[in-house]
Amino acid sequence: MKNIKSNNFNIANQITFFRLLIIPVFLVVLFIDKPYSNIIAAVIFIFASLSDFLDGYIARKYNLVTNLGKIVDPVADKILVASAMVSLVELQRIPSWVVIVILAREFAVGALRNLASSNGIIIPAGWSGKIKTTIQLVSLTMIIFKEKFLGVDMYLIGKVLLYISIVVSILSLIDYFYRYFKKGNTQ
């Protein structure tokens, strides 16, 4: 029993769970919606986003990959991003259709990966998905920040990047379906 606990609650998984716990703090600070709170919310969002890269790096480098981590990590990422996007709709910083398109893509890819898995086909994350995630995280951070930084309108640049991320999201979705049907036809 002790071995299972230590394996599942290793440092990589602890970082993942910390990311889940920090989401409500992020949301409270974001909804204060003042210049100082926007900056703090952006810093918290950056910290939470970087923790995703950190937990994955640690898990792979130190052979701490667990089934629990494989399940909870992507869920934590999606909760963080979805919480930020839905909140930004509520704060009238982004339109709801953007969130609908992005979440629809996430649901479609998740469903496709589940279908593929049930057929013994593994579709690993591709570069298009990683680029999509990076652009989304940067754009959301800038929209959360909302303030000008060194004379640069972070909010405007963030919105432009968010629209670019929609295009990359759709291309990534097409890539996932293409790879599924390509692998499915060769087996």
C-alpha atoms as a PDB file:
ATOM      1  CA  MET A   1       0.000   0.000   0.000  1.00  0.00           C
ATOM      2  CA  LYS A   2       2.814   2.429   0.857  1.00  0.00           C
ATOM      3  CA  ASN A   3       4.452   1.862  -2.531  1.00  0.00           C
ATOM      4  CA  ILE A   4       1.234   2.756  -4.367  1.00  0.00           C
ATOM      5  CA  LYS A   5       0.854   5.978  -2.383  1.00  0.00           C
ATOM      6  CA  SER A   6       4.435   7.071  -2.901  1.00  0.00           C
ATOM      7  CA  ASN A   7       4.209   6.237  -6.607  1.00  0.00           C
ATOM      8  CA  ASN A   8       0.921   8.079  -7.197  1.00  0.00           C
ATOM      9  CA  PHE A   9       1.741  11.060  -5.006  1.00  0.00           C
ATOM     10  CA  ASN A  10       5.210  11.710  -6.354  1.00  0.00           C
ATOM     11  CA  ILE A  11       6.465  15.249  -6.935  1.00  0.00           C
ATOM     12  CA  ALA A  12       5.176  15.378 -10.526  1.00  0.00           C
ATOM     13  CA  ASN A  13       1.630  14.485  -9.456  1.00  0.00           C
ATOM     14  CA  GLN A  14       1.842  16.865  -6.491  1.00  0.00           C
ATOM     15  CA  ILE A  15       2.611  19.698  -8.915  1.00  0.00           C
ATOM     16  CA  THR A  16      -0.414  18.666 -11.000  1.00  0.00           C
ATOM     17  CA  PHE A  17      -2.693  18.676  -7.950  1.00  0.00           C
ATOM     18  CA  PHE A  18      -1.263  22.037  -6.888  1.00  0.00           C
ATOM     19  CA  ARG A  19      -2.272  23.383 -10.319  1.00  0.00           C
ATOM     20  CA  LEU A  20      -5.842  22.255  -9.645  1.00  0.00           C
ATOM     21  CA  LEU A  21      -5.829  23.868  -6.197  1.00  0.00           C
ATOM     22  CA  ILE A  22      -4.518  27.200  -7.480  1.00  0.00           C
ATOM     23  CA  ILE A  23      -7.324  27.575 -10.064  1.00  0.00           C
ATOM     24  CA  PRO A  24      -9.900  28.938  -7.553  1.00  0.00           C
ATOM     25  CA  VAL A  25      -7.324  31.448  -6.270  1.00  0.00           C
ATOM     26  CA  PHE A  26      -6.644  32.530  -9.851  1.00  0.00           C
ATOM     27  CA  LEU A  27     -10.369  32.968 -10.506  1.00  0.00           C
ATOM     28  CA  VAL A  28     -10.985  35.041  -7.366  1.00  0.00           C
ATOM     29  CA  VAL A  29      -8.110  37.374  -8.253  1.00  0.00           C
ATOM     30  CA  LEU A  30      -9.228  37.580 -11.908  1.00  0.00           C
ATOM     31  CA  PHE A  31     -12.779  38.581 -10.955  1.00  0.00           C
ATOM     32  CA  ILE A  32     -11.543  41.500  -8.840  1.00  0.00           C
ATOM     33  CA  ASP A  33     -10.880  42.983 -12.309  1.00  0.00           C
ATOM     34  CA  LYS A  34      -8.680  45.897 -11.314  1.00  0.00           C
ATOM     35  CA  PRO A  35      -5.315  46.786 -12.899  1.00  0.00           C
ATOM     36  CA  TYR A  36      -3.339  45.305  -9.974  1.00  0.00           C
ATOM     37  CA  SER A  37      -5.474  42.142  -9.813  1.00  0.00           C
ATOM     38  CA  ASN A  38      -5.207  41.594 -13.573  1.00  0.00           C
ATOM     39  CA  ILE A  39      -1.426  41.584 -13.265  1.00  0.00           C
ATOM     40  CA  ILE A  40      -1.519  39.208 -10.287  1.00  0.00           C
ATOM     41  CA  ALA A  41      -4.016  36.927 -12.082  1.00  0.00           C
ATOM     42  CA  ALA A  42      -1.730  36.844 -15.141  1.00  0.00           C
ATOM     43  CA  VAL A  43       1.248  35.900 -12.959  1.00  0.00           C
ATOM     44  CA  ILE A  44      -0.762  33.112 -11.297  1.00  0.00           C
ATOM     45  CA  PHE A  45      -1.908  31.885 -14.730  1.00  0.00           C
ATOM     46  CA  ILE A  46       1.686  31.883 -16.006  1.00  0.00           C
ATOM     47  CA  PHE A  47       2.810  29.980 -12.921  1.00  0.00           C
ATOM     48  CA  ALA A  48      -0.001  27.415 -13.324  1.00  0.00           C
ATOM     49  CA  SER A  49       0.730  27.040 -17.060  1.00  0.00           C
ATOM     50  CA  LEU A  50       4.452  26.555 -16.492  1.00  0.00           C
ATOM     51  CA  SER A  51       3.724  23.973 -13.797  1.00  0.00           C
ATOM     52  CA  ASP A  52       2.234  21.812 -16.563  1.00  0.00           C
ATOM     53  CA  PHE A  53       5.537  21.751 -18.400  1.00  0.00           C
ATOM     54  CA  LEU A  54       7.421  21.217 -15.139  1.00  0.00           C
ATOM     55  CA  ASP A  55       5.397  18.229 -13.926  1.00  0.00           C
ATOM     56  CA  GLY A  56       5.702  16.534 -17.326  1.00  0.00           C
ATOM     57  CA  TYR A  57       9.445  17.149 -17.450  1.00  0.00           C
ATOM     58  CA  ILE A  58       9.964  15.791 -13.938  1.00  0.00           C
ATOM     59  CA  ALA A  59       7.751  12.770 -14.566  1.00  0.00           C
ATOM     60  CA  ARG A  60       9.661  11.805 -17.728  1.00  0.00           C
ATOM     61  CA  LYS A  61      13.160  12.664 -16.506  1.00  0.00           C
ATOM     62  CA  TYR A  62      12.869  10.793 -13.208  1.00  0.00           C
ATOM     63  CA  ASN A  63      10.631   7.993 -14.473  1.00  0.00           C
ATOM     64  CA  LEU A  64       7.723   9.123 -12.304  1.00  0.00           C
ATOM     65  CA  VAL A  65       5.010   8.667 -14.932  1.00  0.00           C
ATOM     66  CA  THR A  66       1.911   7.122 -13.347  1.00  0.00           C
ATOM     67  CA  ASN A  67      -1.531   6.201 -14.622  1.00  0.00           C
ATOM     68  CA  LEU A  68      -2.953   8.755 -12.180  1.00  0.00           C
ATOM     69  CA  GLY A  69      -0.726  11.447 -13.673  1.00  0.00           C
ATOM     70  CA  LYS A  70      -1.678  10.458 -17.216  1.00  0.00           C
ATOM     71  CA  ILE A  71      -5.326  11.038 -16.326  1.00  0.00           C
ATOM     72  CA  VAL A  72      -5.168  14.015 -13.956  1.00  0.00           C
ATOM     73  CA  ASP A  73      -2.555  16.119 -15.805  1.00  0.00           C
ATOM     74  CA  PRO A  74      -4.529  16.688 -19.030  1.00  0.00           C
ATOM     75  CA  VAL A  75      -7.711  17.202 -17.006  1.00  0.00           C
ATOM     76  CA  ALA A  76      -5.986  19.855 -14.873  1.00  0.00           C
ATOM     77  CA  ASP A  77      -4.774  21.600 -18.036  1.00  0.00           C
ATOM     78  CA  LYS A  78      -8.236  21.647 -19.551  1.00  0.00           C
ATOM     79  CA  ILE A  79      -9.830  22.886 -16.321  1.00  0.00           C
ATOM     80  CA  LEU A  80      -7.275  25.711 -16.107  1.00  0.00           C
ATOM     81  CA  VAL A  81      -7.774  26.833 -19.703  1.00  0.00           C
ATOM     82  CA  ALA A  82     -11.567  26.371 -19.719  1.00  0.00           C
ATOM     83  CA  SER A  83     -11.895  28.241 -16.405  1.00  0.00           C
ATOM     84  CA  ALA A  84      -9.857  31.124 -17.756  1.00  0.00           C
ATOM     85  CA  MET A  85     -11.793  31.282 -21.032  1.00  0.00           C
ATOM     86  CA  VAL A  86     -15.259  31.055 -19.466  1.00  0.00           C
ATOM     87  CA  SER A  87     -14.266  33.713 -16.934  1.00  0.00           C
ATOM     88  CA  LEU A  88     -12.991  35.975 -19.707  1.00  0.00           C
ATOM     89  CA  VAL A  89     -16.370  35.621 -21.438  1.00  0.00           C
ATOM     90  CA  GLU A  90     -18.085  36.611 -18.167  1.00  0.00           C
ATOM     91  CA  LEU A  91     -15.739  39.604 -17.898  1.00  0.00           C
ATOM     92  CA  GLN A  92     -16.606  40.470 -21.538  1.00  0.00           C
ATOM     93  CA  ARG A  93     -13.013  40.244 -22.713  1.00  0.00           C
ATOM     94  CA  ILE A  94     -13.597  37.498 -25.292  1.00  0.00           C
ATOM     95  CA  PRO A  95     -16.710  36.407 -27.198  1.00  0.00           C
ATOM     96  CA  SER A  96     -18.427  33.163 -26.222  1.00  0.00           C
ATOM     97  CA  TRP A  97     -18.185  31.678 -29.729  1.00  0.00           C
ATOM     98  CA  VAL A  98     -14.391  31.555 -29.326  1.00  0.00           C
ATOM     99  CA  VAL A  99     -14.739  29.383 -26.228  1.00  0.00           C
ATOM    100  CA  ILE A 100     -17.328  27.182 -27.942  1.00  0.00           C
ATOM    101  CA  VAL A 101     -15.026  26.535 -30.917  1.00  0.00           C
ATOM    102  CA  ILE A 102     -11.997  25.835 -28.732  1.00  0.00           C
ATOM    103  CA  LEU A 103     -13.886  23.556 -26.315  1.00  0.00           C
ATOM    104  CA  ALA A 104     -15.610  21.744 -29.197  1.00  0.00           C
ATOM    105  CA  ARG A 105     -12.166  20.988 -30.626  1.00  0.00           C
ATOM    106  CA  GLU A 106     -11.018  19.653 -27.239  1.00  0.00           C
ATOM    107  CA  PHE A 107     -14.085  17.413 -26.912  1.00  0.00           C
ATOM    108  CA  ALA A 108     -13.699  16.156 -30.498  1.00  0.00           C
ATOM    109  CA  VAL A 109     -10.007  15.322 -30.053  1.00  0.00           C
ATOM    110  CA  GLY A 110     -10.721  13.654 -26.707  1.00  0.00           C
ATOM    111  CA  ALA A 111     -13.495  11.553 -28.225  1.00  0.00           C
ATOM    112  CA  LEU A 112     -11.315  10.610 -31.189  1.00  0.00           C
ATOM    113  CA  ARG A 113      -8.424   9.597 -28.937  1.00  0.00           C
ATOM    114  CA  ASN A 114     -10.808   7.463 -26.841  1.00  0.00           C
ATOM    115  CA  LEU A 115     -12.162   5.813 -29.985  1.00  0.00           C
ATOM    116  CA  ALA A 116      -8.660   5.227 -31.294  1.00  0.00           C
ATOM    117  CA  SER A 117      -7.564   3.787 -27.961  1.00  0.00           C
ATOM    118  CA  SER A 118     -10.511   1.383 -27.917  1.00  0.00           C
ATOM    119  CA  ASN A 119      -9.303   0.153 -31.315  1.00  0.00           C
ATOM    120  CA  GLY A 120      -5.724  -0.248 -30.088  1.00  0.00           C
ATOM    121  CA  ILE A 121      -4.515   2.878 -31.880  1.00  0.00           C
ATOM    122  CA  ILE A 122      -2.506   5.443 -29.968  1.00  0.00           C
ATOM    123  CA  ILE A 123      -2.544   8.992 -31.325  1.00  0.00           C
ATOM    124  CA  PRO A 124       0.170  10.929 -29.503  1.00  0.00           C
ATOM    125  CA  ALA A 125      -0.013  14.688 -29.205  1.00  0.00           C
ATOM    126  CA  GLY A 126       1.297  16.228 -32.388  1.00  0.00           C
ATOM    127  CA  TRP A 127       3.216  19.424 -32.941  1.00  0.00           C
ATOM    128  CA  SER A 128       0.090  21.231 -34.105  1.00  0.00           C
ATOM    129  CA  GLY A 129      -1.560  20.547 -30.741  1.00  0.00           C
ATOM    130  CA  LYS A 130       1.504  21.744 -28.849  1.00  0.00           C
ATOM    131  CA  ILE A 131       1.685  24.923 -30.920  1.00  0.00           C
ATOM    132  CA  LYS A 132      -2.053  25.461 -30.343  1.00  0.00           C
ATOM    133  CA  THR A 133      -1.606  25.101 -26.604  1.00  0.00           C
ATOM    134  CA  THR A 134       1.349  27.494 -26.506  1.00  0.00           C
ATOM    135  CA  ILE A 135      -0.445  30.170 -28.530  1.00  0.00           C
ATOM    136  CA  GLN A 136      -3.575  29.778 -26.382  1.00  0.00           C
ATOM    137  CA  LEU A 137      -1.660  30.086 -23.118  1.00  0.00           C
ATOM    138  CA  VAL A 138       0.247  33.163 -24.303  1.00  0.00           C
ATOM    139  CA  SER A 139      -2.902  34.800 -25.681  1.00  0.00           C
ATOM    140  CA  LEU A 140      -4.930  34.086 -22.534  1.00  0.00           C
ATOM    141  CA  THR A 141      -2.130  35.451 -20.357  1.00  0.00           C
ATOM    142  CA  MET A 142      -2.095  38.695 -22.350  1.00  0.00           C
ATOM    143  CA  ILE A 143      -5.891  39.009 -22.202  1.00  0.00           C
ATOM    144  CA  ILE A 144      -5.862  38.323 -18.459  1.00  0.00           C
ATOM    145  CA  PHE A 145      -3.070  40.907 -17.999  1.00  0.00           C
ATOM    146  CA  LYS A 146      -5.188  43.409 -19.937  1.00  0.00           C
ATOM    147  CA  GLU A 147      -2.907  46.336 -19.096  1.00  0.00           C
ATOM    148  CA  LYS A 148      -0.400  48.030 -21.386  1.00  0.00           C
ATOM    149  CA  PHE A 149       3.181  46.922 -20.830  1.00  0.00           C
ATOM    150  CA  LEU A 150       5.977  49.242 -21.967  1.00  0.00           C
ATOM    151  CA  GLY A 151       3.420  50.974 -24.197  1.00  0.00           C
ATOM    152  CA  VAL A 152       2.351  47.698 -25.841  1.00  0.00           C
ATOM    153  CA  ASP A 153      -1.362  46.879 -25.824  1.00  0.00           C
ATOM    154  CA  MET A 154      -1.171  43.372 -24.372  1.00  0.00           C
ATOM    155  CA  TYR A 155      -4.949  42.942 -24.542  1.00  0.00           C
ATOM    156  CA  LEU A 156      -5.100  43.622 -28.287  1.00  0.00           C
ATOM    157  CA  ILE A 157      -2.139  41.371 -29.065  1.00  0.00           C
ATOM    158  CA  GLY A 158      -3.670  38.664 -26.868  1.00  0.00           C
ATOM    159  CA  LYS A 159      -6.957  38.809 -28.781  1.00  0.00           C
ATOM    160  CA  VAL A 160      -5.145  38.579 -32.136  1.00  0.00           C
ATOM    161  CA  LEU A 161      -3.169  35.577 -30.875  1.00  0.00           C
ATOM    162  CA  LEU A 162      -6.378  33.983 -29.574  1.00  0.00           C
ATOM    163  CA  TYR A 163      -7.930  34.200 -33.044  1.00  0.00           C
ATOM    164  CA  ILE A 164      -4.757  32.702 -34.513  1.00  0.00           C
ATOM    165  CA  SER A 165      -5.048  29.894 -31.957  1.00  0.00           C
ATOM    166  CA  ILE A 166      -8.547  29.131 -33.285  1.00  0.00           C
ATOM    167  CA  VAL A 167      -7.127  28.565 -36.767  1.00  0.00           C
ATOM    168  CA  VAL A 168      -4.321  26.416 -35.330  1.00  0.00           C
ATOM    169  CA  SER A 169      -6.911  24.524 -33.221  1.00  0.00           C
ATOM    170  CA  ILE A 170      -8.928  23.647 -36.313  1.00  0.00           C
ATOM    171  CA  LEU A 171      -5.790  22.607 -38.212  1.00  0.00           C
ATOM    172  CA  SER A 172      -4.757  20.511 -35.208  1.00  0.00           C
ATOM    173  CA  LEU A 173      -8.184  18.834 -35.183  1.00  0.00           C
ATOM    174  CA  ILE A 174      -7.817  17.991 -38.864  1.00  0.00           C
ATOM    175  CA  ASP A 175      -4.326  16.625 -38.132  1.00  0.00           C
ATOM    176  CA  TYR A 176      -5.664  14.333 -35.381  1.00  0.00           C
ATOM    177  CA  PHE A 177      -8.409  12.949 -37.645  1.00  0.00           C
ATOM    178  CA  TYR A 178      -5.953  12.513 -40.511  1.00  0.00           C
ATOM    179  CA  ARG A 179      -3.512  10.577 -38.313  1.00  0.00           C
ATOM    180  CA  TYR A 180      -6.335   8.429 -36.931  1.00  0.00           C
ATOM    181  CA  PHE A 181      -7.661   7.448 -40.336  1.00  0.00           C
ATOM    182  CA  LYS A 182      -4.133   6.944 -41.677  1.00  0.00           C
ATOM    183  CA  LYS A 183      -3.255   4.599 -38.781  1.00  0.00           C
ATOM    184  CA  GLY A 184      -6.670   2.961 -38.830  1.00  0.00           C
ATOM    185  CA  ASN A 185      -6.307   2.027 -42.490  1.00  0.00           C
ATOM    186  CA  THR A 186      -2.832   0.539 -42.041  1.00  0.00           C
ATOM    187  CA  GLN A 187      -3.804  -1.875 -39.270  1.00  0.00           C
END
